[in-house]
């Protein structure tokens, strides 16, 4: 690791961003899991769970944490499963 002041600062910043992005991705997986389980059980809460998952996917795709195409694909799969229920 470099010993220059700017390089040390950039390293600190990258670690903070990495932690923030990892938290966002873990939260995304939680939302998706909740939506999928409610869809599998055909719960009445399935619509609300899918809605919140789609909203969160839009949120993190807008910030660039995941690619917009991946968010679109995940949303499409959730919506198609919701329509089958």
PDB file of N, CA and C in Angstrom:
ATOM      1  N   UNK A   1       0.841  -1.175   0.000  1.00  0.00           N
ATOM      2  CA  UNK A   1       0.000   0.000   0.000  1.00  0.00           C
ATOM      3  C   UNK A   1       0.888   1.241   0.000  1.00  0.00           C
ATOM      4  N   UNK A   2       0.477   2.251  -0.736  1.00  0.00           N
ATOM      5  CA  UNK A   2       1.269   3.472  -0.851  1.00  0.00           C
ATOM      6  C   UNK A   2       1.233   4.269   0.445  1.00  0.00           C
ATOM      7  N   UNK A   3       2.262   5.058   0.628  1.00  0.00           N
ATOM      8  CA  UNK A   3       2.353   5.853   1.842  1.00  0.00           C
ATOM      9  C   UNK A   3       2.023   7.324   1.610  1.00  0.00           C
ATOM     10  N   UNK A   4       1.607   7.675   0.417  1.00  0.00           N
ATOM     11  CA  UNK A   4       1.246   9.060   0.140  1.00  0.00           C
ATOM     12  C   UNK A   4      -0.088   9.382   0.800  1.00  0.00           C
ATOM     13  N   UNK A   5      -0.207  10.626   1.216  1.00  0.00           N
ATOM     14  CA  UNK A   5      -1.398  11.051   1.943  1.00  0.00           C
ATOM     15  C   UNK A   5      -2.676  10.812   1.135  1.00  0.00           C
ATOM     16  N   UNK A   6      -2.636  11.197  -0.136  1.00  0.00           N
ATOM     17  CA  UNK A   6      -3.820  11.060  -0.987  1.00  0.00           C
ATOM     18  C   UNK A   6      -4.172   9.587  -1.210  1.00  0.00           C
ATOM     19  N   UNK A   7      -3.161   8.741  -1.361  1.00  0.00           N
ATOM     20  CA  UNK A   7      -3.413   7.317  -1.573  1.00  0.00           C
ATOM     21  C   UNK A   7      -4.036   6.686  -0.334  1.00  0.00           C
ATOM     22  N   UNK A   8      -3.586   7.119   0.841  1.00  0.00           N
ATOM     23  CA  UNK A   8      -4.171   6.601   2.079  1.00  0.00           C
ATOM     24  C   UNK A   8      -5.626   7.035   2.218  1.00  0.00           C
ATOM     25  N   UNK A   9      -5.902   8.284   1.852  1.00  0.00           N
ATOM     26  CA  UNK A   9      -7.273   8.791   1.928  1.00  0.00           C
ATOM     27  C   UNK A   9      -8.176   8.032   0.949  1.00  0.00           C
ATOM     28  N   UNK A  10      -7.689   7.822  -0.273  1.00  0.00           N
ATOM     29  CA  UNK A  10      -8.486   7.099  -1.269  1.00  0.00           C
ATOM     30  C   UNK A  10      -8.763   5.670  -0.800  1.00  0.00           C
ATOM     31  N   UNK A  11      -7.803   5.072  -0.134  1.00  0.00           N
ATOM     32  CA  UNK A  11      -7.999   3.717   0.378  1.00  0.00           C
ATOM     33  C   UNK A  11      -9.080   3.705   1.458  1.00  0.00           C
ATOM     34  N   UNK A  12      -9.026   4.682   2.370  1.00  0.00           N
ATOM     35  CA  UNK A  12     -10.064   4.794   3.404  1.00  0.00           C
ATOM     36  C   UNK A  12     -11.436   4.982   2.772  1.00  0.00           C
ATOM     37  N   UNK A  13     -11.505   5.841   1.765  1.00  0.00           N
ATOM     38  CA  UNK A  13     -12.781   6.104   1.102  1.00  0.00           C
ATOM     39  C   UNK A  13     -13.304   4.855   0.398  1.00  0.00           C
ATOM     40  N   UNK A  14     -12.402   4.110  -0.233  1.00  0.00           N
ATOM     41  CA  UNK A  14     -12.846   2.911  -0.946  1.00  0.00           C
ATOM     42  C   UNK A  14     -13.379   1.861   0.028  1.00  0.00           C
ATOM     43  N   UNK A  15     -12.778   1.779   1.213  1.00  0.00           N
ATOM     44  CA  UNK A  15     -13.275   0.831   2.212  1.00  0.00           C
ATOM     45  C   UNK A  15     -14.662   1.232   2.709  1.00  0.00           C
ATOM     46  N   UNK A  16     -14.890   2.538   2.891  1.00  0.00           N
ATOM     47  CA  UNK A  16     -16.208   3.020   3.313  1.00  0.00           C
ATOM     48  C   UNK A  16     -17.257   2.728   2.247  1.00  0.00           C
ATOM     49  N   UNK A  17     -16.899   3.002   0.988  1.00  0.00           N
ATOM     50  CA  UNK A  17     -17.838   2.748  -0.112  1.00  0.00           C
ATOM     51  C   UNK A  17     -18.140   1.257  -0.240  1.00  0.00           C
ATOM     52  N   UNK A  18     -17.118   0.446  -0.066  1.00  0.00           N
ATOM     53  CA  UNK A  18     -17.297  -1.005  -0.155  1.00  0.00           C
ATOM     54  C   UNK A  18     -18.256  -1.489   0.922  1.00  0.00           C
ATOM     55  N   UNK A  19     -18.102  -0.979   2.144  1.00  0.00           N
ATOM     56  CA  UNK A  19     -18.990  -1.379   3.240  1.00  0.00           C
ATOM     57  C   UNK A  19     -20.419  -0.935   2.957  1.00  0.00           C
ATOM     58  N   UNK A  20     -20.583   0.288   2.441  1.00  0.00           N
ATOM     59  CA  UNK A  20     -21.915   0.807   2.138  1.00  0.00           C
ATOM     60  C   UNK A  20     -22.575  -0.009   1.028  1.00  0.00           C
ATOM     61  N   UNK A  21     -21.798  -0.332  -0.013  1.00  0.00           N
ATOM     62  CA  UNK A  21     -22.335  -1.115  -1.123  1.00  0.00           C
ATOM     63  C   UNK A  21     -22.687  -2.534  -0.689  1.00  0.00           C
ATOM     64  N   UNK A  22     -21.852  -3.135   0.149  1.00  0.00           N
ATOM     65  CA  UNK A  22     -22.144  -4.485   0.637  1.00  0.00           C
ATOM     66  C   UNK A  22     -23.415  -4.502   1.467  1.00  0.00           C
ATOM     67  N   UNK A  23     -23.618  -3.473   2.284  1.00  0.00           N
ATOM     68  CA  UNK A  23     -24.840  -3.376   3.082  1.00  0.00           C
ATOM     69  C   UNK A  23     -26.062  -3.255   2.172  1.00  0.00           C
ATOM     70  N   UNK A  24     -25.947  -2.430   1.135  1.00  0.00           N
ATOM     71  CA  UNK A  24     -27.067  -2.241   0.214  1.00  0.00           C
ATOM     72  C   UNK A  24     -27.392  -3.536  -0.523  1.00  0.00           C
ATOM     73  N   UNK A  25     -26.372  -4.276  -0.932  1.00  0.00           N
ATOM     74  CA  UNK A  25     -26.609  -5.538  -1.639  1.00  0.00           C
ATOM     75  C   UNK A  25     -27.220  -6.585  -0.719  1.00  0.00           C
ATOM     76  N   UNK A  26     -26.789  -6.608   0.540  1.00  0.00           N
ATOM     77  CA  UNK A  26     -27.368  -7.549   1.501  1.00  0.00           C
ATOM     78  C   UNK A  26     -28.833  -7.209   1.754  1.00  0.00           C
ATOM     79  N   UNK A  27     -29.140  -5.923   1.850  1.00  0.00           N
ATOM     80  CA  UNK A  27     -30.527  -5.490   2.035  1.00  0.00           C
ATOM     81  C   UNK A  27     -31.363  -5.868   0.822  1.00  0.00           C
ATOM     82  N   UNK A  28     -30.783  -5.734  -0.369  1.00  0.00           N
ATOM     83  CA  UNK A  28     -31.475  -6.115  -1.594  1.00  0.00           C
ATOM     84  C   UNK A  28     -31.822  -7.603  -1.567  1.00  0.00           C
ATOM     85  N   UNK A  29     -30.857  -8.431  -1.166  1.00  0.00           N
ATOM     86  CA  UNK A  29     -31.116  -9.871  -1.105  1.00  0.00           C
ATOM     87  C   UNK A  29     -32.216 -10.189  -0.094  1.00  0.00           C
ATOM     88  N   UNK A  30     -32.271  -9.446   1.005  1.00  0.00           N
ATOM     89  CA  UNK A  30     -33.312  -9.655   2.006  1.00  0.00           C
ATOM     90  C   UNK A  30     -34.683  -9.325   1.432  1.00  0.00           C
ATOM     91  N   UNK A  31     -34.783  -8.179   0.733  1.00  0.00           N
ATOM     92  CA  UNK A  31     -36.045  -7.795   0.104  1.00  0.00           C
ATOM     93  C   UNK A  31     -36.491  -8.843  -0.913  1.00  0.00           C
ATOM     94  N   UNK A  32     -35.540  -9.319  -1.730  1.00  0.00           N
ATOM     95  CA  UNK A  32     -35.877 -10.311  -2.753  1.00  0.00           C
ATOM     96  C   UNK A  32     -36.321 -11.629  -2.127  1.00  0.00           C
ATOM     97  N   UNK A  33     -35.644 -12.042  -1.068  1.00  0.00           N
ATOM     98  CA  UNK A  33     -36.008 -13.293  -0.404  1.00  0.00           C
ATOM     99  C   UNK A  33     -37.403 -13.201   0.193  1.00  0.00           C
ATOM    100  N   UNK A  34     -37.701 -12.068   0.827  1.00  0.00           N
ATOM    101  CA  UNK A  34     -39.024 -11.883   1.422  1.00  0.00           C
ATOM    102  C   UNK A  34     -40.103 -11.910   0.341  1.00  0.00           C
ATOM    103  N   UNK A  35     -39.844 -11.243  -0.780  1.00  0.00           N
ATOM    104  CA  UNK A  35     -40.813 -11.217  -1.874  1.00  0.00           C
ATOM    105  C   UNK A  35     -41.022 -12.618  -2.446  1.00  0.00           C
ATOM    106  N   UNK A  36     -39.930 -13.355  -2.630  1.00  0.00           N
ATOM    107  CA  UNK A  36     -40.046 -14.700  -3.205  1.00  0.00           C
ATOM    108  C   UNK A  36     -40.779 -15.662  -2.272  1.00  0.00           C
ATOM    109  N   UNK A  37     -40.531 -15.559  -0.966  1.00  0.00           N
ATOM    110  CA  UNK A  37     -41.210 -16.463  -0.037  1.00  0.00           C
ATOM    111  C   UNK A  37     -42.697 -16.146   0.048  1.00  0.00           C
ATOM    112  N   UNK A  38     -43.054 -14.862   0.019  1.00  0.00           N
ATOM    113  CA  UNK A  38     -44.481 -14.526   0.053  1.00  0.00           C
ATOM    114  C   UNK A  38     -45.168 -14.950  -1.239  1.00  0.00           C
ATOM    115  N   UNK A  39     -44.439 -14.890  -2.355  1.00  0.00           N
ATOM    116  CA  UNK A  39     -45.019 -15.350  -3.619  1.00  0.00           C
ATOM    117  C   UNK A  39     -45.192 -16.867  -3.618  1.00  0.00           C
ATOM    118  N   UNK A  40     -44.232 -17.573  -3.049  1.00  0.00           N
ATOM    119  CA  UNK A  40     -44.317 -19.035  -3.007  1.00  0.00           C
ATOM    120  C   UNK A  40     -45.468 -19.492  -2.119  1.00  0.00           C
ATOM    121  N   UNK A  41     -45.714 -18.764  -1.031  1.00  0.00           N
ATOM    122  CA  UNK A  41     -46.803 -19.109  -0.120  1.00  0.00           C
ATOM    123  C   UNK A  41     -48.140 -18.549  -0.573  1.00  0.00           C
ATOM    124  N   UNK A  42     -48.124 -17.740  -1.634  1.00  0.00           N
ATOM    125  CA  UNK A  42     -49.327 -17.078  -2.153  1.00  0.00           C
ATOM    126  C   UNK A  42     -50.011 -16.267  -1.058  1.00  0.00           C
ATOM    127  N   UNK A  43     -49.208 -15.544  -0.292  1.00  0.00           N
ATOM    128  CA  UNK A  43     -49.731 -14.686   0.770  1.00  0.00           C
ATOM    129  C   UNK A  43     -50.457 -13.478   0.193  1.00  0.00           C
ATOM    130  N   UNK A  44     -51.279 -12.875   1.035  1.00  0.00           N
ATOM    131  CA  UNK A  44     -51.938 -11.633   0.647  1.00  0.00           C
ATOM    132  C   UNK A  44     -50.937 -10.481   0.649  1.00  0.00           C
ATOM    133  N   UNK A  45     -49.833 -10.650   1.384  1.00  0.00           N
ATOM    134  CA  UNK A  45     -48.811  -9.609   1.468  1.00  0.00           C
ATOM    135  C   UNK A  45     -47.852  -9.639   0.278  1.00  0.00           C
ATOM    136  N   UNK A  46     -48.063 -10.524  -0.663  1.00  0.00           N
ATOM    137  CA  UNK A  46     -47.130 -10.682  -1.773  1.00  0.00           C
ATOM    138  C   UNK A  46     -47.020  -9.407  -2.599  1.00  0.00           C
ATOM    139  N   UNK A  47     -48.139  -8.758  -2.842  1.00  0.00           N
ATOM    140  CA  UNK A  47     -48.117  -7.532  -3.645  1.00  0.00           C
ATOM    141  C   UNK A  47     -47.284  -6.455  -2.969  1.00  0.00           C
ATOM    142  N   UNK A  48     -47.472  -6.301  -1.672  1.00  0.00           N
ATOM    143  CA  UNK A  48     -46.723  -5.286  -0.924  1.00  0.00           C
ATOM    144  C   UNK A  48     -45.234  -5.624  -0.873  1.00  0.00           C
ATOM    145  N   UNK A  49     -44.911  -6.895  -0.704  1.00  0.00           N
ATOM    146  CA  UNK A  49     -43.508  -7.310  -0.649  1.00  0.00           C
ATOM    147  C   UNK A  49     -42.814  -7.067  -1.989  1.00  0.00           C
ATOM    148  N   UNK A  50     -43.502  -7.380  -3.075  1.00  0.00           N
ATOM    149  CA  UNK A  50     -42.933  -7.155  -4.404  1.00  0.00           C
ATOM    150  C   UNK A  50     -42.771  -5.659  -4.655  1.00  0.00           C
ATOM    151  N   UNK A  51     -43.749  -4.883  -4.230  1.00  0.00           N
ATOM    152  CA  UNK A  51     -43.691  -3.432  -4.423  1.00  0.00           C
ATOM    153  C   UNK A  51     -42.490  -2.830  -3.701  1.00  0.00           C
ATOM    154  N   UNK A  52     -42.254  -3.261  -2.463  1.00  0.00           N
ATOM    155  CA  UNK A  52     -41.119  -2.725  -1.712  1.00  0.00           C
ATOM    156  C   UNK A  52     -39.789  -3.200  -2.304  1.00  0.00           C
ATOM    157  N   UNK A  53     -39.743  -4.434  -2.794  1.00  0.00           N
ATOM    158  CA  UNK A  53     -38.516  -4.943  -3.417  1.00  0.00           C
ATOM    159  C   UNK A  53     -38.203  -4.175  -4.698  1.00  0.00           C
ATOM    160  N   UNK A  54     -39.225  -3.927  -5.504  1.00  0.00           N
ATOM    161  CA  UNK A  54     -39.040  -3.179  -6.750  1.00  0.00           C
ATOM    162  C   UNK A  54     -38.566  -1.760  -6.452  1.00  0.00           C
ATOM    163  N   UNK A  55     -39.144  -1.155  -5.433  1.00  0.00           N
ATOM    164  CA  UNK A  55     -38.748   0.199  -5.051  1.00  0.00           C
ATOM    165  C   UNK A  55     -37.284   0.234  -4.630  1.00  0.00           C
ATOM    166  N   UNK A  56     -36.859  -0.740  -3.847  1.00  0.00           N
ATOM    167  CA  UNK A  56     -35.466  -0.768  -3.388  1.00  0.00           C
ATOM    168  C   UNK A  56     -34.515  -1.054  -4.548  1.00  0.00           C
ATOM    169  N   UNK A  57     -34.928  -1.921  -5.465  1.00  0.00           N
ATOM    170  CA  UNK A  57     -34.091  -2.193  -6.634  1.00  0.00           C
ATOM    171  C   UNK A  57     -33.885  -0.923  -7.456  1.00  0.00           C
ATOM    172  N   UNK A  58     -34.953  -0.147  -7.650  1.00  0.00           N
ATOM    173  CA  UNK A  58     -34.834   1.120  -8.366  1.00  0.00           C
ATOM    174  C   UNK A  58     -33.883   2.066  -7.638  1.00  0.00           C
ATOM    175  N   UNK A  59     -33.992   2.077  -6.330  1.00  0.00           N
ATOM    176  CA  UNK A  59     -33.169   2.968  -5.508  1.00  0.00           C
ATOM    177  C   UNK A  59     -31.678   2.666  -5.668  1.00  0.00           C
ATOM    178  N   UNK A  60     -31.291   1.402  -5.533  1.00  0.00           N
ATOM    179  CA  UNK A  60     -29.865   1.090  -5.601  1.00  0.00           C
ATOM    180  C   UNK A  60     -29.341   1.080  -7.040  1.00  0.00           C
ATOM    181  N   UNK A  61     -30.222   0.828  -8.006  1.00  0.00           N
ATOM    182  CA  UNK A  61     -29.789   0.911  -9.402  1.00  0.00           C
ATOM    183  C   UNK A  61     -29.528   2.372  -9.768  1.00  0.00           C
ATOM    184  N   UNK A  62     -30.326   3.265  -9.235  1.00  0.00           N
ATOM    185  CA  UNK A  62     -30.126   4.687  -9.485  1.00  0.00           C
ATOM    186  C   UNK A  62     -28.828   5.194  -8.902  1.00  0.00           C
ATOM    187  N   UNK A  63     -28.397   4.604  -7.803  1.00  0.00           N
ATOM    188  CA  UNK A  63     -27.130   5.001  -7.185  1.00  0.00           C
ATOM    189  C   UNK A  63     -25.936   4.310  -7.837  1.00  0.00           C
ATOM    190  N   UNK A  64     -26.189   3.350  -8.721  1.00  0.00           N
ATOM    191  CA  UNK A  64     -25.099   2.669  -9.409  1.00  0.00           C
ATOM    192  C   UNK A  64     -24.505   1.513  -8.632  1.00  0.00           C
ATOM    193  N   UNK A  65     -25.195   1.064  -7.587  1.00  0.00           N
ATOM    194  CA  UNK A  65     -24.675  -0.052  -6.793  1.00  0.00           C
ATOM    195  C   UNK A  65     -24.816  -1.357  -7.566  1.00  0.00           C
ATOM    196  N   UNK A  66     -25.936  -1.512  -8.265  1.00  0.00           N
ATOM    197  CA  UNK A  66     -26.096  -2.631  -9.194  1.00  0.00           C
ATOM    198  C   UNK A  66     -26.425  -2.039 -10.564  1.00  0.00           C
ATOM    199  N   UNK A  67     -26.130  -2.750 -11.637  1.00  0.00           N
ATOM    200  CA  UNK A  67     -26.456  -2.232 -12.967  1.00  0.00           C
ATOM    201  C   UNK A  67     -27.968  -2.129 -13.176  1.00  0.00           C
ATOM    202  N   UNK A  68     -28.388  -1.148 -13.949  1.00  0.00           N
ATOM    203  CA  UNK A  68     -29.817  -0.938 -14.204  1.00  0.00           C
ATOM    204  C   UNK A  68     -30.444  -2.145 -14.905  1.00  0.00           C
ATOM    205  N   UNK A  69     -29.677  -2.800 -15.765  1.00  0.00           N
ATOM    206  CA  UNK A  69     -30.194  -3.977 -16.473  1.00  0.00           C
ATOM    207  C   UNK A  69     -30.475  -5.118 -15.503  1.00  0.00           C
ATOM    208  N   UNK A  70     -29.619  -5.292 -14.507  1.00  0.00           N
ATOM    209  CA  UNK A  70     -29.845  -6.346 -13.513  1.00  0.00           C
ATOM    210  C   UNK A  70     -31.093  -6.049 -12.701  1.00  0.00           C
ATOM    211  N   UNK A  71     -31.267  -4.790 -12.321  1.00  0.00           N
ATOM    212  CA  UNK A  71     -32.459  -4.401 -11.570  1.00  0.00           C
ATOM    213  C   UNK A  71     -33.705  -4.647 -12.408  1.00  0.00           C
ATOM    214  N   UNK A  72     -33.633  -4.308 -13.672  1.00  0.00           N
ATOM    215  CA  UNK A  72     -34.765  -4.502 -14.571  1.00  0.00           C
ATOM    216  C   UNK A  72     -35.115  -5.980 -14.699  1.00  0.00           C
ATOM    217  N   UNK A  73     -34.104  -6.816 -14.822  1.00  0.00           N
ATOM    218  CA  UNK A  73     -34.324  -8.257 -14.955  1.00  0.00           C
ATOM    219  C   UNK A  73     -34.952  -8.837 -13.690  1.00  0.00           C
ATOM    220  N   UNK A  74     -34.443  -8.432 -12.523  1.00  0.00           N
ATOM    221  CA  UNK A  74     -34.992  -8.928 -11.262  1.00  0.00           C
ATOM    222  C   UNK A  74     -36.434  -8.469 -11.069  1.00  0.00           C
ATOM    223  N   UNK A  75     -36.708  -7.213 -11.412  1.00  0.00           N
ATOM    224  CA  UNK A  75     -38.073  -6.685 -11.279  1.00  0.00           C
ATOM    225  C   UNK A  75     -39.025  -7.426 -12.205  1.00  0.00           C
ATOM    226  N   UNK A  76     -38.573  -7.690 -13.421  1.00  0.00           N
ATOM    227  CA  UNK A  76     -39.408  -8.382 -14.391  1.00  0.00           C
ATOM    228  C   UNK A  76     -39.764  -9.786 -13.913  1.00  0.00           C
ATOM    229  N   UNK A  77     -38.798 -10.475 -13.348  1.00  0.00           N
ATOM    230  CA  UNK A  77     -39.048 -11.833 -12.856  1.00  0.00           C
ATOM    231  C   UNK A  77     -40.008 -11.830 -11.676  1.00  0.00           C
ATOM    232  N   UNK A  78     -39.850 -10.841 -10.786  1.00  0.00           N
ATOM    233  CA  UNK A  78     -40.769 -10.746  -9.645  1.00  0.00           C
ATOM    234  C   UNK A  78     -42.190 -10.453 -10.112  1.00  0.00           C
ATOM    235  N   UNK A  79     -42.318  -9.509 -11.035  1.00  0.00           N
ATOM    236  CA  UNK A  79     -43.645  -9.128 -11.527  1.00  0.00           C
ATOM    237  C   UNK A  79     -44.326 -10.285 -12.251  1.00  0.00           C
ATOM    238  N   UNK A  80     -43.556 -11.056 -13.026  1.00  0.00           N
ATOM    239  CA  UNK A  80     -44.168 -12.177 -13.738  1.00  0.00           C
ATOM    240  C   UNK A  80     -44.636 -13.254 -12.766  1.00  0.00           C
ATOM    241  N   UNK A  81     -43.864 -13.481 -11.684  1.00  0.00           N
ATOM    242  CA  UNK A  81     -44.301 -14.441 -10.669  1.00  0.00           C
ATOM    243  C   UNK A  81     -45.537 -13.936  -9.943  1.00  0.00           C
ATOM    244  N   UNK A  82     -45.602 -12.628  -9.720  1.00  0.00           N
ATOM    245  CA  UNK A  82     -46.759 -12.044  -9.051  1.00  0.00           C
ATOM    246  C   UNK A  82     -48.008 -12.194  -9.911  1.00  0.00           C
ATOM    247  N   UNK A  83     -47.866 -12.032 -11.218  1.00  0.00           N
ATOM    248  CA  UNK A  83     -49.015 -12.159 -12.113  1.00  0.00           C
ATOM    249  C   UNK A  83     -49.532 -13.592 -12.195  1.00  0.00           C
ATOM    250  N   UNK A  84     -48.655 -14.566 -11.956  1.00  0.00           N
ATOM    251  CA  UNK A  84     -49.083 -15.966 -11.999  1.00  0.00           C
ATOM    252  C   UNK A  84     -49.866 -16.365 -10.759  1.00  0.00           C
ATOM    253  N   UNK A  85     -49.633 -15.633  -9.653  1.00  0.00           N
ATOM    254  CA  UNK A  85     -50.298 -15.979  -8.385  1.00  0.00           C
ATOM    255  C   UNK A  85     -51.738 -15.539  -8.402  1.00  0.00           C
TER     256      UNK A  85
END
